[in-house]
C-alpha atoms as a PDB file:
ATOM      1  CA  PHE A   1      -0.852 -27.460   3.835  1.00  0.00           C
ATOM      2  CA  SER A   2       2.071 -30.008   4.319  1.00  0.00           C
ATOM      3  CA  PHE A   3       5.266 -30.155   6.290  1.00  0.00           C
ATOM      4  CA  GLY A   4       7.685 -32.996   6.400  1.00  0.00           C
ATOM      5  CA  GLY A   5       5.580 -35.275   3.946  1.00  0.00           C
ATOM      6  CA  LEU A   6       2.664 -35.133   6.494  1.00  0.00           C
ATOM      7  CA  ASN A   7      -0.812 -33.486   5.134  1.00  0.00           C
ATOM      8  CA  LEU A   8      -1.810 -31.208   7.915  1.00  0.00           C
ATOM      9  CA  GLY A   9      -4.702 -29.872   5.883  1.00  0.00           C
ATOM     10  CA  ARG A  10      -6.270 -26.195   6.047  1.00  0.00           C
ATOM     11  CA  PRO A  11      -6.004 -23.854   9.006  1.00  0.00           C
ATOM     12  CA  THR A  12      -9.326 -24.219  10.673  1.00  0.00           C
ATOM     13  CA  SER A  13     -11.592 -20.932  10.887  1.00  0.00           C
ATOM     14  CA  ARG A  14     -11.168 -21.060  14.322  1.00  0.00           C
ATOM     15  CA  TRP A  15      -7.709 -19.459  13.844  1.00  0.00           C
ATOM     16  CA  ALA A  16      -9.012 -16.694  11.926  1.00  0.00           C
ATOM     17  CA  ARG A  17     -11.509 -15.608  14.825  1.00  0.00           C
ATOM     18  CA  HIS A  18      -8.680 -14.152  16.880  1.00  0.00           C
ATOM     19  CA  VAL A  19      -7.563 -11.880  14.209  1.00  0.00           C
ATOM     20  CA  SER A  20     -10.062  -8.539  14.464  1.00  0.00           C
ATOM     21  CA  ALA A  21     -10.278  -5.417  12.460  1.00  0.00           C
ATOM     22  CA  ILE A  22     -12.053  -2.285  12.679  1.00  0.00           C
ATOM     23  CA  GLU A  23     -14.193  -1.121   9.842  1.00  0.00           C
ATOM     24  CA  ILE A  24     -14.606   2.446   8.778  1.00  0.00           C
ATOM     25  CA  TYR A  25     -17.016   3.887   6.461  1.00  0.00           C
ATOM     26  CA  THR A  26     -16.815   7.158   4.548  1.00  0.00           C
ATOM     27  CA  PRO A  27     -18.505   8.389   1.492  1.00  0.00           C
ATOM     28  CA  ARG A  28     -15.841   8.015  -1.533  1.00  0.00           C
ATOM     29  CA  GLU A  29     -16.258  11.882  -2.781  1.00  0.00           C
ATOM     30  CA  VAL A  30     -17.946  15.055  -1.256  1.00  0.00           C
ATOM     31  CA  GLU A  31     -18.804  18.314  -3.224  1.00  0.00           C
ATOM     32  CA  ALA A  32     -18.931  21.770  -1.457  1.00  0.00           C
ATOM     33  CA  VAL A  33     -19.542  25.064  -2.420  1.00  0.00           C
ATOM     34  CA  ASN A  34     -16.723  27.724  -1.456  1.00  0.00           C
ATOM     35  CA  GLY A  35     -17.570  29.722   1.763  1.00  0.00           C
ATOM     36  CA  THR A  36     -20.185  26.976   3.152  1.00  0.00           C
ATOM     37  CA  ASP A  37     -19.722  24.259   5.785  1.00  0.00           C
ATOM     38  CA  VAL A  38     -19.471  20.774   4.853  1.00  0.00           C
ATOM     39  CA  LYS A  39     -19.702  17.481   7.098  1.00  0.00           C
ATOM     40  CA  LEU A  40     -17.369  14.786   6.247  1.00  0.00           C
ATOM     41  CA  LYS A  41     -19.024  11.763   7.313  1.00  0.00           C
ATOM     42  CA  CYS A  42     -17.042   8.784   8.946  1.00  0.00           C
ATOM     43  CA  THR A  43     -18.398   5.766  11.214  1.00  0.00           C
ATOM     44  CA  PHE A  44     -17.067   2.492  12.478  1.00  0.00           C
ATOM     45  CA  SER A  45     -17.369  -0.824  13.740  1.00  0.00           C
ATOM     46  CA  SER A  46     -15.459  -2.630  16.235  1.00  0.00           C
ATOM     47  CA  THR A  47     -15.286  -5.964  17.559  1.00  0.00           C
ATOM     48  CA  HIS A  48     -14.562  -4.512  20.903  1.00  0.00           C
ATOM     49  CA  PRO A  49     -16.796  -2.649  23.309  1.00  0.00           C
ATOM     50  CA  VAL A  50     -16.551   1.195  22.480  1.00  0.00           C
ATOM     51  CA  SER A  51     -15.958   3.846  25.288  1.00  0.00           C
ATOM     52  CA  LEU A  52     -14.978   7.281  25.271  1.00  0.00           C
ATOM     53  CA  GLN A  53     -11.353   6.087  26.651  1.00  0.00           C
ATOM     54  CA  SER A  54     -10.738   3.707  24.296  1.00  0.00           C
ATOM     55  CA  VAL A  55     -10.908   5.160  20.903  1.00  0.00           C
ATOM     56  CA  ILE A  56      -8.832   7.341  19.258  1.00  0.00           C
ATOM     57  CA  VAL A  57      -9.564   9.338  16.128  1.00  0.00           C
ATOM     58  CA  SER A  58      -7.312  11.124  13.744  1.00  0.00           C
ATOM     59  CA  TRP A  59      -8.164  13.093  10.595  1.00  0.00           C
ATOM     60  CA  ASN A  60      -5.298  14.021   8.143  1.00  0.00           C
ATOM     61  CA  PHE A  61      -5.246  15.817   4.935  1.00  0.00           C
ATOM     62  CA  ARG A  62      -3.340  14.992   1.758  1.00  0.00           C
ATOM     63  CA  PRO A  63      -3.055  17.972  -0.799  1.00  0.00           C
ATOM     64  CA  ILE A  64      -3.902  17.338  -4.267  1.00  0.00           C
ATOM     65  CA  ASP A  65      -0.454  18.297  -5.426  1.00  0.00           C
ATOM     66  CA  SER A  66       0.934  15.414  -3.329  1.00  0.00           C
ATOM     67  CA  GLY A  67       2.382  17.402  -0.842  1.00  0.00           C
ATOM     68  CA  ALA A  68       2.967  16.786   2.943  1.00  0.00           C
ATOM     69  CA  ASP A  69      -0.242  15.303   4.903  1.00  0.00           C
ATOM     70  CA  GLU A  70      -1.414  17.772   7.362  1.00  0.00           C
ATOM     71  CA  SER A  71      -3.303  17.126  10.446  1.00  0.00           C
ATOM     72  CA  VAL A  72      -6.896  18.095  10.423  1.00  0.00           C
ATOM     73  CA  PHE A  73      -8.352  16.994  13.788  1.00  0.00           C
ATOM     74  CA  TYR A  74      -7.454  14.679  16.875  1.00  0.00           C
ATOM     75  CA  TYR A  75      -9.737  12.899  19.409  1.00  0.00           C
ATOM     76  CA  GLN A  76      -8.850  11.146  22.236  1.00  0.00           C
ATOM     77  CA  GLU A  77     -11.831  11.483  25.145  1.00  0.00           C
ATOM     78  CA  VAL A  78     -12.040  14.995  23.964  1.00  0.00           C
ATOM     79  CA  PRO A  79     -11.898  16.922  20.889  1.00  0.00           C
ATOM     80  CA  PHE A  80      -8.524  18.416  20.003  1.00  0.00           C
ATOM     81  CA  PRO A  81      -9.125  20.867  16.805  1.00  0.00           C
ATOM     82  CA  PRO A  82      -6.029  22.109  15.228  1.00  0.00           C
ATOM     83  CA  SER A  83      -4.144  24.922  16.819  1.00  0.00           C
ATOM     84  CA  ALA A  84      -2.179  25.974  13.589  1.00  0.00           C
ATOM     85  CA  GLY A  85      -2.313  25.744   9.854  1.00  0.00           C
ATOM     86  CA  ARG A  86      -4.986  26.122   7.186  1.00  0.00           C
ATOM     87  CA  PHE A  87      -7.565  24.114   9.262  1.00  0.00           C
ATOM     88  CA  GLN A  88      -7.333  26.489  12.327  1.00  0.00           C
ATOM     89  CA  GLY A  89     -10.642  27.496  13.079  1.00  0.00           C
ATOM     90  CA  HIS A  90     -12.509  25.797  10.458  1.00  0.00           C
ATOM     91  CA  ALA A  91     -12.388  21.941  11.756  1.00  0.00           C
ATOM     92  CA  VAL A  92     -15.073  21.066  14.489  1.00  0.00           C
ATOM     93  CA  TRP A  93     -16.205  17.817  15.901  1.00  0.00           C
ATOM     94  CA  SER A  94     -19.483  16.737  14.783  1.00  0.00           C
ATOM     95  CA  GLY A  95     -19.430  12.753  16.084  1.00  0.00           C
ATOM     96  CA  ASP A  96     -20.460  10.775  18.733  1.00  0.00           C
ATOM     97  CA  ILE A  97     -18.176   7.985  19.804  1.00  0.00           C
ATOM     98  CA  MET A  98     -20.725   6.056  21.565  1.00  0.00           C
ATOM     99  CA  LYS A  99     -22.865   5.954  18.361  1.00  0.00           C
ATOM    100  CA  GLN A 100     -19.578   4.785  16.568  1.00  0.00           C
ATOM    101  CA  ASP A 101     -19.493   8.353  14.736  1.00  0.00           C
ATOM    102  CA  SER A 102     -16.207  10.077  14.029  1.00  0.00           C
ATOM    103  CA  SER A 103     -17.346  12.707  11.634  1.00  0.00           C
ATOM    104  CA  ILE A 104     -16.149  16.323  11.497  1.00  0.00           C
ATOM    105  CA  THR A 105     -17.476  19.457   9.800  1.00  0.00           C
ATOM    106  CA  LEU A 106     -15.319  22.042   7.981  1.00  0.00           C
ATOM    107  CA  GLN A 107     -16.655  25.381   8.325  1.00  0.00           C
ATOM    108  CA  GLN A 108     -16.304  27.856   5.401  1.00  0.00           C
ATOM    109  CA  VAL A 109     -14.310  25.638   3.297  1.00  0.00           C
ATOM    110  CA  GLN A 110     -11.745  27.286   1.005  1.00  0.00           C
ATOM    111  CA  PRO A 111     -10.308  26.299  -2.527  1.00  0.00           C
ATOM    112  CA  ASN A 112      -6.913  25.214  -0.805  1.00  0.00           C
ATOM    113  CA  PHE A 113      -9.274  22.599   1.152  1.00  0.00           C
ATOM    114  CA  ASN A 114      -9.444  20.564  -2.201  1.00  0.00           C
ATOM    115  CA  GLY A 115      -7.771  17.242  -1.548  1.00  0.00           C
ATOM    116  CA  THR A 116      -8.238  13.753   0.312  1.00  0.00           C
ATOM    117  CA  TYR A 117      -9.341  13.470   3.893  1.00  0.00           C
ATOM    118  CA  VAL A 118      -8.336  10.298   5.742  1.00  0.00           C
ATOM    119  CA  CYS A 119     -10.287   9.360   8.842  1.00  0.00           C
ATOM    120  CA  GLN A 120      -8.677   6.810  11.124  1.00  0.00           C
ATOM    121  CA  VAL A 121     -10.239   5.264  14.041  1.00  0.00           C
ATOM    122  CA  ARG A 122      -8.499   2.910  16.688  1.00  0.00           C
ATOM    123  CA  ASN A 123     -10.693   1.226  19.563  1.00  0.00           C
ATOM    124  CA  ARG A 124      -8.047  -0.271  21.832  1.00  0.00           C
ATOM    125  CA  PRO A 125      -7.343  -3.093  21.617  1.00  0.00           C
ATOM    126  CA  ASP A 126      -8.931  -3.141  18.185  1.00  0.00           C
ATOM    127  CA  VAL A 127      -6.143  -1.059  16.320  1.00  0.00           C
ATOM    128  CA  HIS A 128      -5.992  -2.932  13.061  1.00  0.00           C
ATOM    129  CA  GLY A 129      -7.905  -2.063   9.927  1.00  0.00           C
ATOM    130  CA  SER A 130      -8.015   0.191   6.978  1.00  0.00           C
ATOM    131  CA  ASN A 131      -8.704   3.999   6.999  1.00  0.00           C
ATOM    132  CA  GLY A 132     -11.497   5.863   5.380  1.00  0.00           C
ATOM    133  CA  GLU A 133     -10.710   8.224   2.594  1.00  0.00           C
ATOM    134  CA  ILE A 134     -12.813  10.994   1.313  1.00  0.00           C
ATOM    135  CA  ILE A 135     -12.006  13.400  -1.647  1.00  0.00           C
ATOM    136  CA  LEU A 136     -13.302  16.803  -1.090  1.00  0.00           C
ATOM    137  CA  ARG A 137     -14.048  19.248  -3.949  1.00  0.00           C
ATOM    138  CA  VAL A 138     -14.523  22.805  -3.355  1.00  0.00           C
ATOM    139  CA  VAL A 139     -16.403  24.551  -6.156  1.00  0.00           C
ATOM    140  CA  ASN A 140     -17.708  27.990  -6.915  1.00  0.00           C
ATOM    141  CA  LYS A 141     -21.196  26.924  -7.438  1.00  0.00           C
ATOM    142  CA  VAL A 142     -23.366  23.541  -7.349  1.00  0.00           C
ATOM    143  CA  SER A 143     -22.476  21.595 -10.406  1.00  0.00           C
ATOM    144  CA  LEU A 144     -25.292  20.274 -12.509  1.00  0.00           C
ATOM    145  CA  SER A 145     -25.325  17.029 -14.681  1.00  0.00           C
ATOM    146  CA  GLU A 146     -25.620  17.677 -18.502  1.00  0.00           C
ATOM    147  CA  ILE A 147     -29.085  16.056 -18.321  1.00  0.00           C
ATOM    148  CA  GLY A 148     -30.281  18.617 -15.626  1.00  0.00           C
ATOM    149  CA  ILE A 149     -29.010  21.476 -17.753  1.00  0.00           C
ATOM    150  CA  LEU A 150     -30.610  20.510 -20.872  1.00  0.00           C
ATOM    151  CA  ALA A 151     -34.117  19.979 -18.716  1.00  0.00           C
ATOM    152  CA  ALA A 152     -33.581  23.477 -17.408  1.00  0.00           C
ATOM    153  CA  THR A 153     -32.986  25.102 -20.815  1.00  0.00           C
ATOM    154  CA  VAL A 154     -35.949  23.107 -22.330  1.00  0.00           C
ATOM    155  CA  GLY A 155     -38.251  23.992 -19.460  1.00  0.00           C
ATOM    156  CA  GLY A 156     -37.174  27.888 -19.556  1.00  0.00           C
ATOM    157  CA  ALA A 157     -38.127  27.583 -23.364  1.00  0.00           C
ATOM    158  CA  CYS A 158     -41.516  26.057 -22.863  1.00  0.00           C
ATOM    159  CA  GLY A 159     -42.090  28.251 -20.124  1.00  0.00           C
ATOM    160  CA  VAL A 160     -41.277  31.553 -22.305  1.00  0.00           C
ATOM    161  CA  VAL A 161     -43.470  30.190 -25.425  1.00  0.00           C
ATOM    162  CA  LEU A 162     -46.463  29.910 -23.035  1.00  0.00           C
ATOM    163  CA  ILE A 163     -46.081  33.353 -21.483  1.00  0.00           C
ATOM    164  CA  LEU A 164     -46.033  34.741 -25.070  1.00  0.00           C
ATOM    165  CA  LEU A 165     -48.890  32.730 -26.149  1.00  0.00           C
ATOM    166  CA  ALA A 166     -51.119  33.820 -23.097  1.00  0.00           C
ATOM    167  CA  ILE A 167     -50.111  37.500 -23.839  1.00  0.00           C
ATOM    168  CA  PHE A 168     -51.002  37.106 -27.324  1.00  0.00           C
ATOM    169  CA  VAL A 169     -54.627  35.775 -26.359  1.00  0.00           C
ATOM    170  CA  ALA A 170     -55.214  38.506 -23.858  1.00  0.00           C
ATOM    171  CA  VAL A 171     -54.472  40.826 -26.572  1.00  0.00           C
ATOM    172  CA  ARG A 172     -56.816  39.310 -28.988  1.00  0.00           C
ATOM    173  CA  VAL A 173     -59.645  39.012 -26.378  1.00  0.00           C
ATOM    174  CA  CYS A 174     -59.402  42.504 -25.218  1.00  0.00           C
ATOM    175  CA  LYS A 175     -59.535  44.033 -28.649  1.00  0.00           C
ATOM    176  CA  ARG A 176     -62.538  41.870 -29.572  1.00  0.00           C
ATOM    177  CA  LYS A 177     -64.497  42.932 -26.358  1.00  0.00           C
ATOM    178  CA  ARG A 178     -63.557  46.690 -27.505  1.00  0.00           C
ATOM    179  CA  MET A 179     -64.784  46.243 -30.789  1.00  0.00           C
ATOM    180  CA  GLU A 180     -68.026  44.395 -29.215  1.00  0.00           C
ATOM    181  CA  ASN A 181     -68.472  47.344 -26.675  1.00  0.00           C
ATOM    182  CA  SER A 182     -68.346  49.873 -29.448  1.00  0.00           C
ATOM    183  CA  ILE A 183     -71.044  48.697 -31.460  1.00  0.00           C
ATOM    184  CA  GLU A 184     -73.459  48.289 -29.012  1.00  0.00           C
ATOM    185  CA  MET A 185     -72.647  51.817 -27.909  1.00  0.00           C
ATOM    186  CA  HIS A 186     -73.231  53.129 -31.493  1.00  0.00           C
ATOM    187  CA  PRO A 187     -75.779  50.585 -33.223  1.00  0.00           C
ATOM    188  CA  SER A 188     -77.246  53.205 -35.658  1.00  0.00           C
ATOM    189  CA  LYS A 189     -74.004  55.078 -36.741  1.00  0.00           C
ATOM    190  CA  GLY A 190     -73.452  52.870 -39.765  1.00  0.00           C
ATOM    191  CA  LEU A 191     -77.054  53.489 -40.828  1.00  0.00           C
ATOM    192  CA  LYS A 192     -76.904  57.345 -40.570  1.00  0.00           C
ATOM    193  CA  ASP A 193     -73.987  57.380 -42.688  1.00  0.00           C
ATOM    194  CA  HIS A 194     -75.637  55.135 -45.077  1.00  0.00           C
ATOM    195  CA  ASN A 195     -78.607  57.495 -45.100  1.00  0.00           C
ATOM    196  CA  VAL A 196     -76.592  60.846 -45.799  1.00  0.00           C
ATOM    197  CA  LEU A 197     -75.252  59.461 -48.936  1.00  0.00           C
END
């Protein structure tokens, strides 16, 4: 860049090295069956050493209807589960700070848990960086893809046809054996009837 007609050039990369940002990694979307437990995975990397005293984790919830954000979980040296609200008794700590894992588990999820979960991690003095976001969908049963449904339907139909075919063959074999046994037990019955005539 220039200043007062003087060309000062581009900023050196050495200036950018002083800027550090914490990186947070989460899945984009998670699906859970109503009434089951689901782990919300959140890991991070920091340019500064990680310790139990330096890391602060906060989880917040944003409802689908764009209502007010709600606190889900807080961690600072020790876990602080929610003492009120929809997540009371449902949110538990399942992470490990020293392994750079800030995950939580939601127990017995309910339909009103549908929404976006925001994982925020700060490792002082590394407090800058974007947050992780997970969209949770609570369903009544595990959803299958259209291909999976089609494959299951075709497989089921083939299975029924094979069973019917096996039954048909077994019945034919049994009838044939009965006829053979009957002839062996009464070999002269046909001849006797012919002599009478």
